[in-house]
Protein backbone atom coordinates (compact mmCIF):
# COMPACT_ATOMS: atom_id res chain seq x y z
CA MET A 1 10.75 -9.65 -20.63
CA ASN A 2 10.08 -12.10 -17.80
CA LYS A 3 8.31 -11.06 -14.64
CA PRO A 4 10.42 -11.39 -11.51
CA ASP A 5 9.69 -14.36 -9.24
CA THR A 6 9.84 -12.19 -6.16
CA TYR A 7 8.64 -8.74 -5.16
CA VAL A 8 11.20 -5.91 -5.25
CA GLY A 9 10.07 -4.40 -1.95
CA ILE A 10 8.01 -1.29 -1.33
CA ASN A 11 11.14 0.89 -1.05
CA ASN A 12 12.27 -0.21 -4.54
CA GLU A 13 8.86 0.12 -6.22
CA ILE A 14 8.10 2.23 -9.27
CA ASN A 15 6.21 5.47 -8.72
CA GLY A 16 7.55 5.77 -5.19
CA GLY A 17 5.55 2.75 -4.09
CA MET A 18 2.22 4.14 -5.30
CA THR A 19 1.15 0.80 -6.70
CA THR A 20 -1.47 -1.76 -5.78
CA ILE A 21 1.04 -3.87 -3.86
CA GLY A 22 2.44 -0.77 -2.17
CA LYS A 23 -1.04 0.15 -0.94
CA ILE A 24 -1.60 -3.37 0.36
CA ILE A 25 1.64 -3.19 2.34
CA ARG A 26 0.86 0.26 3.77
CA ASP A 27 -2.61 -0.90 4.80
CA ALA A 28 -1.04 -3.98 6.40
CA TRP A 29 1.13 -1.57 8.43
CA VAL A 30 -1.98 0.42 9.42
CA PHE A 31 -3.76 -2.68 10.70
CA GLY A 32 -0.66 -4.14 12.37
CA ILE A 33 -0.60 -7.15 10.06
CA LEU A 34 3.00 -6.28 9.16
CA ASP A 35 5.56 -4.32 11.11
CA GLU A 36 6.32 -0.98 9.46
CA SER A 37 9.89 -2.13 8.87
CA GLU A 38 8.66 -5.00 6.66
CA THR A 39 9.09 -4.04 3.00
CA CYS A 40 8.19 -7.52 1.65
CA GLN A 41 11.34 -7.49 -0.47
CA GLY A 42 12.01 -10.99 -1.80
CA TRP A 43 8.46 -12.22 -1.10
CA ASN A 44 6.68 -14.33 -3.69
CA LEU A 45 3.22 -13.42 -4.92
CA ALA A 46 1.56 -16.03 -2.71
CA GLY A 47 2.95 -14.21 0.33
CA ILE A 48 1.66 -10.87 -0.93
CA ASP A 49 -1.73 -12.46 -1.66
CA GLY A 50 -1.89 -13.77 1.90
CA VAL A 51 -1.33 -10.24 3.21
CA LEU A 52 -3.99 -8.94 0.82
CA GLN A 53 -6.55 -11.38 2.23
CA LYS A 54 -5.77 -10.26 5.79
CA VAL A 55 -5.95 -6.59 4.81
CA ASN A 56 -9.30 -7.14 3.06
CA ASN A 57 -10.65 -8.89 6.17
CA GLU A 58 -9.71 -5.86 8.26
CA TRP A 59 -11.22 -3.37 5.80
CA ASP A 60 -14.44 -5.39 5.74
CA LYS A 61 -14.87 -4.67 9.46
CA TYR A 62 -15.08 -0.95 8.62
CA GLY A 63 -17.10 -1.10 5.43
CA CYS A 64 -13.93 -0.45 3.41
CA LEU A 65 -14.14 3.23 4.45
CA VAL A 66 -11.39 5.25 6.08
CA SER A 67 -14.12 7.37 7.67
CA GLN A 68 -15.32 4.28 9.59
CA LEU A 69 -11.94 3.46 11.12
CA PRO A 70 -11.62 3.94 14.89
CA PRO A 71 -9.66 7.10 15.79
CA GLU A 72 -6.36 5.31 16.45
CA LEU A 73 -6.45 3.43 13.13
CA ALA A 74 -7.59 6.54 11.25
CA LYS A 75 -4.62 8.44 12.69
CA ARG A 76 -2.22 5.64 11.68
CA HIS A 77 -3.76 5.56 8.20
CA ARG A 78 -3.30 9.32 7.76
CA GLU A 79 0.29 9.23 9.02
CA ILE A 80 1.41 6.21 6.98
CA HIS A 81 -0.27 7.24 3.74
CA TYR A 82 0.68 10.94 4.04
CA LYS A 83 4.32 9.98 4.52
CA ALA A 84 4.09 7.66 1.50
CA PHE A 85 2.55 10.43 -0.64
CA GLN A 86 5.32 12.83 0.32
CA GLN A 87 8.06 10.29 -0.41
CA ALA A 88 6.45 9.35 -3.73
CA LYS A 89 6.20 13.00 -4.78
CA GLU A 90 9.88 13.45 -3.94
CA ALA A 91 10.60 10.41 -6.12
CA GLY A 92 8.75 12.03 -9.04
CA TRP A 93 5.27 10.53 -8.67
CA SER A 94 2.47 12.94 -9.50
CA GLY A 95 -0.65 10.77 -9.39
CA GLU A 96 -1.38 11.36 -13.06
CA ILE A 97 -1.16 7.66 -13.91
CA GLU A 98 -4.11 7.00 -11.61
CA THR A 99 -6.25 9.73 -13.22
CA ASP A 100 -5.19 9.59 -16.90
CA ASP A 101 -8.44 7.97 -18.02
CA GLU A 102 -10.76 10.37 -16.18
CA ASP A 103 -10.87 12.85 -19.07
CA GLU A 104 -12.25 10.29 -21.49
């Protein structure tokens, strides 16, 4: 099976968008790199990689820790990610994929 040439968009992602690319997009929303209406649907991987670099640059300013974000950004982070968790749970995501190897 061939990989698609373009990204399906965060709203069409598996696991309710609880993927690496989904997290990058949500963090880009938090930092104002992307507008919250931007799903990145149809983007190529180079475009996603460019967003990743910008997101990483922002996280570096705060030691990659949510606890180090200024209050306004911390609030945005909580709101955006909480909403995503709720939507993913409604779509059937449980988080087990991320923790399956912790029992080994």
